[in-house]
């Protein structure tokens, strides 16, 4: 990163935050190719194809737009920008997960034909989930059993996201403690 580039980005973002739309456009035009390169390198380091690079760049630019008021004007802007980009890369990698694609036809002979009996873990959870306090039970059922997100569960149960996270953690911890005591 060049010193003059850092200085220019800082002054453009300062002007944009003061309401200069053309300065903001110039900043975004300068950032896009630099972020594109940064994102592609990040994906390559993770041994992931860069098919999602443009989406990550757009998510990064959107995050910069939404959070630009949080930048401390006396601080360098480049570390702030690249931290946002790095977090967007990490988010994309987490969403993607580790996937190995194998054609199922190659393994058809090894697949079970009949449904297996329910697992012991599933039976344990079914049996012990009812013993949780009401709020924890509802949260665990909504998220861990039904697959709702934190936000969906919070909305459905009329709770804050933080309260949902706490109830989920406590409920799962209680189930884990019960499972540990059974072994």
C-alpha atoms as a PDB file:
ATOM      1  CA  UNK A   1       0.000   0.000   0.000  1.00  0.00           C
ATOM      2  CA  UNK A   2       1.421   3.315  -1.046  1.00  0.00           C
ATOM      3  CA  UNK A   3       1.543   6.190   1.438  1.00  0.00           C
ATOM      4  CA  UNK A   4      -0.052   8.558  -1.064  1.00  0.00           C
ATOM      5  CA  UNK A   5      -2.872   6.064  -1.637  1.00  0.00           C
ATOM      6  CA  UNK A   6      -3.546   5.892   2.114  1.00  0.00           C
ATOM      7  CA  UNK A   7      -3.574   9.682   2.267  1.00  0.00           C
ATOM      8  CA  UNK A   8      -5.903   9.974  -0.715  1.00  0.00           C
ATOM      9  CA  UNK A   9      -8.333   7.334   0.612  1.00  0.00           C
ATOM     10  CA  UNK A  10      -8.390   9.071   3.984  1.00  0.00           C
ATOM     11  CA  UNK A  11      -9.164  12.457   2.474  1.00  0.00           C
ATOM     12  CA  UNK A  12     -11.809  10.967   0.146  1.00  0.00           C
ATOM     13  CA  UNK A  13     -13.554   9.160   2.997  1.00  0.00           C
ATOM     14  CA  UNK A  14     -13.368  12.285   5.165  1.00  0.00           C
ATOM     15  CA  UNK A  15     -14.985  14.291   2.361  1.00  0.00           C
ATOM     16  CA  UNK A  16     -17.569  11.556   1.741  1.00  0.00           C
ATOM     17  CA  UNK A  17     -18.495  11.504   5.417  1.00  0.00           C
ATOM     18  CA  UNK A  18     -18.932  15.277   5.191  1.00  0.00           C
ATOM     19  CA  UNK A  19     -21.429  14.781   2.349  1.00  0.00           C
ATOM     20  CA  UNK A  20     -19.303  14.954  -0.820  1.00  0.00           C
ATOM     21  CA  UNK A  21     -20.895  12.374  -3.114  1.00  0.00           C
ATOM     22  CA  UNK A  22     -18.316  12.673  -5.873  1.00  0.00           C
ATOM     23  CA  UNK A  23     -15.488  12.042  -3.397  1.00  0.00           C
ATOM     24  CA  UNK A  24     -17.331   8.924  -2.266  1.00  0.00           C
ATOM     25  CA  UNK A  25     -17.696   7.701  -5.853  1.00  0.00           C
ATOM     26  CA  UNK A  26     -13.978   8.256  -6.482  1.00  0.00           C
ATOM     27  CA  UNK A  27     -13.150   6.336  -3.302  1.00  0.00           C
ATOM     28  CA  UNK A  28     -15.312   3.379  -4.294  1.00  0.00           C
ATOM     29  CA  UNK A  29     -13.819   3.307  -7.800  1.00  0.00           C
ATOM     30  CA  UNK A  30     -10.319   3.229  -6.324  1.00  0.00           C
ATOM     31  CA  UNK A  31     -11.194   0.622  -3.690  1.00  0.00           C
ATOM     32  CA  UNK A  32     -12.975  -1.886  -5.942  1.00  0.00           C
ATOM     33  CA  UNK A  33      -9.943  -3.188  -7.900  1.00  0.00           C
ATOM     34  CA  UNK A  34      -7.729  -3.206  -4.809  1.00  0.00           C
ATOM     35  CA  UNK A  35     -10.360  -5.120  -2.816  1.00  0.00           C
ATOM     36  CA  UNK A  36     -10.926  -7.504  -5.729  1.00  0.00           C
ATOM     37  CA  UNK A  37      -7.228  -8.394  -5.710  1.00  0.00           C
ATOM     38  CA  UNK A  38      -7.143  -8.666  -1.908  1.00  0.00           C
ATOM     39  CA  UNK A  39     -10.194 -10.959  -1.844  1.00  0.00           C
ATOM     40  CA  UNK A  40      -8.833 -13.203  -4.600  1.00  0.00           C
ATOM     41  CA  UNK A  41      -5.537 -13.586  -2.716  1.00  0.00           C
ATOM     42  CA  UNK A  42      -7.457 -14.417   0.484  1.00  0.00           C
ATOM     43  CA  UNK A  43      -9.510 -17.063  -1.263  1.00  0.00           C
ATOM     44  CA  UNK A  44      -6.402 -18.513  -2.922  1.00  0.00           C
ATOM     45  CA  UNK A  45      -4.676 -18.789   0.493  1.00  0.00           C
ATOM     46  CA  UNK A  46      -7.701 -20.792   1.654  1.00  0.00           C
ATOM     47  CA  UNK A  47      -7.428 -22.999  -1.479  1.00  0.00           C
ATOM     48  CA  UNK A  48     -10.892 -21.907  -2.569  1.00  0.00           C
ATOM     49  CA  UNK A  49     -11.805 -20.958  -6.147  1.00  0.00           C
ATOM     50  CA  UNK A  50     -12.448 -17.254  -6.559  1.00  0.00           C
ATOM     51  CA  UNK A  51     -15.928 -17.692  -8.040  1.00  0.00           C
ATOM     52  CA  UNK A  52     -17.419 -15.792  -5.082  1.00  0.00           C
ATOM     53  CA  UNK A  53     -14.811 -13.019  -5.122  1.00  0.00           C
ATOM     54  CA  UNK A  54     -17.061 -10.395  -6.687  1.00  0.00           C
ATOM     55  CA  UNK A  55     -19.834 -11.093  -4.174  1.00  0.00           C
ATOM     56  CA  UNK A  56     -17.357 -10.679  -1.319  1.00  0.00           C
ATOM     57  CA  UNK A  57     -16.079  -7.417  -2.812  1.00  0.00           C
ATOM     58  CA  UNK A  58     -19.661  -6.118  -3.034  1.00  0.00           C
ATOM     59  CA  UNK A  59     -20.369  -7.207   0.556  1.00  0.00           C
ATOM     60  CA  UNK A  60     -17.201  -5.412   1.636  1.00  0.00           C
ATOM     61  CA  UNK A  61     -18.129  -2.202  -0.185  1.00  0.00           C
ATOM     62  CA  UNK A  62     -21.604  -2.366   1.336  1.00  0.00           C
ATOM     63  CA  UNK A  63     -20.157  -2.866   4.823  1.00  0.00           C
ATOM     64  CA  UNK A  64     -17.815   0.089   4.276  1.00  0.00           C
ATOM     65  CA  UNK A  65     -20.801   2.177   3.229  1.00  0.00           C
ATOM     66  CA  UNK A  66     -22.878   1.144   6.229  1.00  0.00           C
ATOM     67  CA  UNK A  67     -20.041   1.490   8.749  1.00  0.00           C
ATOM     68  CA  UNK A  68     -18.150   4.446   7.273  1.00  0.00           C
ATOM     69  CA  UNK A  69     -19.267   6.663  10.142  1.00  0.00           C
ATOM     70  CA  UNK A  70     -17.381   4.375  12.559  1.00  0.00           C
ATOM     71  CA  UNK A  71     -14.003   5.119  10.977  1.00  0.00           C
ATOM     72  CA  UNK A  72     -11.938   7.345  13.251  1.00  0.00           C
ATOM     73  CA  UNK A  73     -10.769  10.145  10.975  1.00  0.00           C
ATOM     74  CA  UNK A  74      -7.395  10.462  12.673  1.00  0.00           C
ATOM     75  CA  UNK A  75      -6.651   6.772  12.155  1.00  0.00           C
ATOM     76  CA  UNK A  76      -5.322   5.243   8.925  1.00  0.00           C
ATOM     77  CA  UNK A  77      -8.164   4.137   6.658  1.00  0.00           C
ATOM     78  CA  UNK A  78      -6.473   1.210   4.869  1.00  0.00           C
ATOM     79  CA  UNK A  79      -6.246  -1.091   7.932  1.00  0.00           C
ATOM     80  CA  UNK A  80      -9.903  -0.329   8.672  1.00  0.00           C
ATOM     81  CA  UNK A  81     -10.916  -1.185   5.088  1.00  0.00           C
ATOM     82  CA  UNK A  82      -8.810  -4.344   4.865  1.00  0.00           C
ATOM     83  CA  UNK A  83     -10.078  -5.557   8.241  1.00  0.00           C
ATOM     84  CA  UNK A  84     -13.629  -5.307   6.937  1.00  0.00           C
ATOM     85  CA  UNK A  85     -12.594  -7.168   3.766  1.00  0.00           C
ATOM     86  CA  UNK A  86     -10.820  -9.880   5.779  1.00  0.00           C
ATOM     87  CA  UNK A  87     -13.934 -10.390   7.914  1.00  0.00           C
ATOM     88  CA  UNK A  88     -16.102 -10.658   4.785  1.00  0.00           C
ATOM     89  CA  UNK A  89     -13.731 -13.297   3.373  1.00  0.00           C
ATOM     90  CA  UNK A  90     -13.931 -15.251   6.633  1.00  0.00           C
ATOM     91  CA  UNK A  91     -17.731 -14.970   6.654  1.00  0.00           C
ATOM     92  CA  UNK A  92     -17.883 -16.295   3.079  1.00  0.00           C
ATOM     93  CA  UNK A  93     -15.562 -19.187   3.904  1.00  0.00           C
ATOM     94  CA  UNK A  94     -17.653 -20.086   6.940  1.00  0.00           C
ATOM     95  CA  UNK A  95     -20.848 -20.008   4.881  1.00  0.00           C
ATOM     96  CA  UNK A  96     -19.222 -22.129   2.224  1.00  0.00           C
ATOM     97  CA  UNK A  97     -17.754 -24.667   4.619  1.00  0.00           C
ATOM     98  CA  UNK A  98     -15.508 -27.472   3.482  1.00  0.00           C
ATOM     99  CA  UNK A  99     -17.155 -29.294   0.626  1.00  0.00           C
ATOM    100  CA  UNK A 100     -15.969 -32.256  -1.330  1.00  0.00           C
ATOM    101  CA  UNK A 101     -18.131 -33.095  -4.305  1.00  0.00           C
ATOM    102  CA  UNK A 102     -18.274 -36.775  -5.212  1.00  0.00           C
ATOM    103  CA  UNK A 103     -20.752 -38.263  -7.656  1.00  0.00           C
ATOM    104  CA  UNK A 104     -23.200 -40.348  -5.642  1.00  0.00           C
ATOM    105  CA  UNK A 105     -23.570 -42.906  -8.434  1.00  0.00           C
ATOM    106  CA  UNK A 106     -20.009 -44.060  -7.767  1.00  0.00           C
ATOM    107  CA  UNK A 107     -21.009 -45.080  -4.239  1.00  0.00           C
ATOM    108  CA  UNK A 108     -24.569 -46.358  -4.752  1.00  0.00           C
ATOM    109  CA  UNK A 109     -23.626 -49.940  -3.908  1.00  0.00           C
ATOM    110  CA  UNK A 110     -22.332 -48.873  -0.488  1.00  0.00           C
ATOM    111  CA  UNK A 111     -25.394 -46.846   0.524  1.00  0.00           C
ATOM    112  CA  UNK A 112     -27.836 -48.393   2.962  1.00  0.00           C
ATOM    113  CA  UNK A 113     -31.169 -49.303   1.457  1.00  0.00           C
ATOM    114  CA  UNK A 114     -33.232 -49.380   4.612  1.00  0.00           C
ATOM    115  CA  UNK A 115     -33.632 -46.566   7.093  1.00  0.00           C
ATOM    116  CA  UNK A 116     -31.529 -47.057  10.166  1.00  0.00           C
ATOM    117  CA  UNK A 117     -32.883 -47.025  13.688  1.00  0.00           C
ATOM    118  CA  UNK A 118     -32.922 -43.595  15.360  1.00  0.00           C
ATOM    119  CA  UNK A 119     -29.584 -42.764  16.898  1.00  0.00           C
ATOM    120  CA  UNK A 120     -28.965 -42.912  20.618  1.00  0.00           C
ATOM    121  CA  UNK A 121     -28.078 -39.231  20.596  1.00  0.00           C
ATOM    122  CA  UNK A 122     -31.423 -38.310  19.031  1.00  0.00           C
ATOM    123  CA  UNK A 123     -33.293 -40.411  21.552  1.00  0.00           C
ATOM    124  CA  UNK A 124     -31.309 -38.808  24.389  1.00  0.00           C
ATOM    125  CA  UNK A 125     -32.096 -35.295  23.179  1.00  0.00           C
ATOM    126  CA  UNK A 126     -35.785 -36.091  22.687  1.00  0.00           C
ATOM    127  CA  UNK A 127     -36.003 -37.560  26.170  1.00  0.00           C
ATOM    128  CA  UNK A 128     -34.091 -34.797  27.987  1.00  0.00           C
ATOM    129  CA  UNK A 129     -35.103 -31.665  26.105  1.00  0.00           C
ATOM    130  CA  UNK A 130     -38.394 -31.606  28.011  1.00  0.00           C
ATOM    131  CA  UNK A 131     -36.491 -31.357  31.289  1.00  0.00           C
ATOM    132  CA  UNK A 132     -35.029 -27.964  30.312  1.00  0.00           C
ATOM    133  CA  UNK A 133     -36.581 -24.768  31.672  1.00  0.00           C
ATOM    134  CA  UNK A 134     -39.323 -23.470  29.356  1.00  0.00           C
ATOM    135  CA  UNK A 135     -37.349 -20.659  27.670  1.00  0.00           C
ATOM    136  CA  UNK A 136     -34.271 -22.823  27.116  1.00  0.00           C
ATOM    137  CA  UNK A 137     -36.427 -25.658  25.743  1.00  0.00           C
ATOM    138  CA  UNK A 138     -38.218 -23.343  23.302  1.00  0.00           C
ATOM    139  CA  UNK A 139     -34.927 -21.821  22.100  1.00  0.00           C
ATOM    140  CA  UNK A 140     -33.163 -25.190  21.733  1.00  0.00           C
ATOM    141  CA  UNK A 141     -36.148 -26.597  19.848  1.00  0.00           C
ATOM    142  CA  UNK A 142     -36.339 -23.562  17.559  1.00  0.00           C
ATOM    143  CA  UNK A 143     -32.624 -23.436  16.715  1.00  0.00           C
ATOM    144  CA  UNK A 144     -31.095 -26.873  17.250  1.00  0.00           C
ATOM    145  CA  UNK A 145     -34.115 -28.965  16.293  1.00  0.00           C
ATOM    146  CA  UNK A 146     -36.078 -26.826  13.788  1.00  0.00           C
ATOM    147  CA  UNK A 147     -33.043 -25.090  12.303  1.00  0.00           C
ATOM    148  CA  UNK A 148     -34.125 -21.480  12.847  1.00  0.00           C
ATOM    149  CA  UNK A 149     -31.475 -18.760  12.960  1.00  0.00           C
ATOM    150  CA  UNK A 150     -30.833 -16.679  16.075  1.00  0.00           C
ATOM    151  CA  UNK A 151     -32.780 -13.796  14.518  1.00  0.00           C
ATOM    152  CA  UNK A 152     -35.719 -15.988  13.509  1.00  0.00           C
ATOM    153  CA  UNK A 153     -35.899 -17.565  16.952  1.00  0.00           C
ATOM    154  CA  UNK A 154     -35.694 -14.152  18.628  1.00  0.00           C
ATOM    155  CA  UNK A 155     -38.553 -12.866  16.506  1.00  0.00           C
ATOM    156  CA  UNK A 156     -40.672 -16.007  16.941  1.00  0.00           C
ATOM    157  CA  UNK A 157     -40.164 -16.084  20.714  1.00  0.00           C
ATOM    158  CA  UNK A 158     -40.322 -12.276  21.203  1.00  0.00           C
ATOM    159  CA  UNK A 159     -36.842 -12.197  22.743  1.00  0.00           C
ATOM    160  CA  UNK A 160     -33.698 -10.213  22.064  1.00  0.00           C
ATOM    161  CA  UNK A 161     -30.956 -11.916  20.049  1.00  0.00           C
ATOM    162  CA  UNK A 162     -28.671 -11.790  23.083  1.00  0.00           C
ATOM    163  CA  UNK A 163     -31.260 -13.491  25.274  1.00  0.00           C
ATOM    164  CA  UNK A 164     -31.717 -16.185  22.625  1.00  0.00           C
ATOM    165  CA  UNK A 165     -27.955 -16.806  22.481  1.00  0.00           C
ATOM    166  CA  UNK A 166     -27.746 -17.060  26.279  1.00  0.00           C
ATOM    167  CA  UNK A 167     -30.734 -19.437  26.492  1.00  0.00           C
ATOM    168  CA  UNK A 168     -29.340 -21.582  23.664  1.00  0.00           C
ATOM    169  CA  UNK A 169     -25.915 -21.777  25.321  1.00  0.00           C
ATOM    170  CA  UNK A 170     -27.387 -22.662  28.699  1.00  0.00           C
ATOM    171  CA  UNK A 171     -29.793 -25.219  27.239  1.00  0.00           C
ATOM    172  CA  UNK A 172     -27.103 -26.962  25.206  1.00  0.00           C
ATOM    173  CA  UNK A 173     -24.740 -26.863  28.182  1.00  0.00           C
ATOM    174  CA  UNK A 174     -27.403 -28.512  30.351  1.00  0.00           C
ATOM    175  CA  UNK A 175     -27.948 -31.236  27.736  1.00  0.00           C
ATOM    176  CA  UNK A 176     -24.193 -31.777  27.419  1.00  0.00           C
ATOM    177  CA  UNK A 177     -23.850 -32.032  31.204  1.00  0.00           C
ATOM    178  CA  UNK A 178     -26.626 -34.631  31.301  1.00  0.00           C
ATOM    179  CA  UNK A 179     -24.995 -36.573  28.473  1.00  0.00           C
ATOM    180  CA  UNK A 180     -21.620 -36.484  30.270  1.00  0.00           C
ATOM    181  CA  UNK A 181     -23.185 -37.770  33.485  1.00  0.00           C
ATOM    182  CA  UNK A 182     -24.742 -40.713  31.593  1.00  0.00           C
ATOM    183  CA  UNK A 183     -21.369 -41.963  30.351  1.00  0.00           C
END
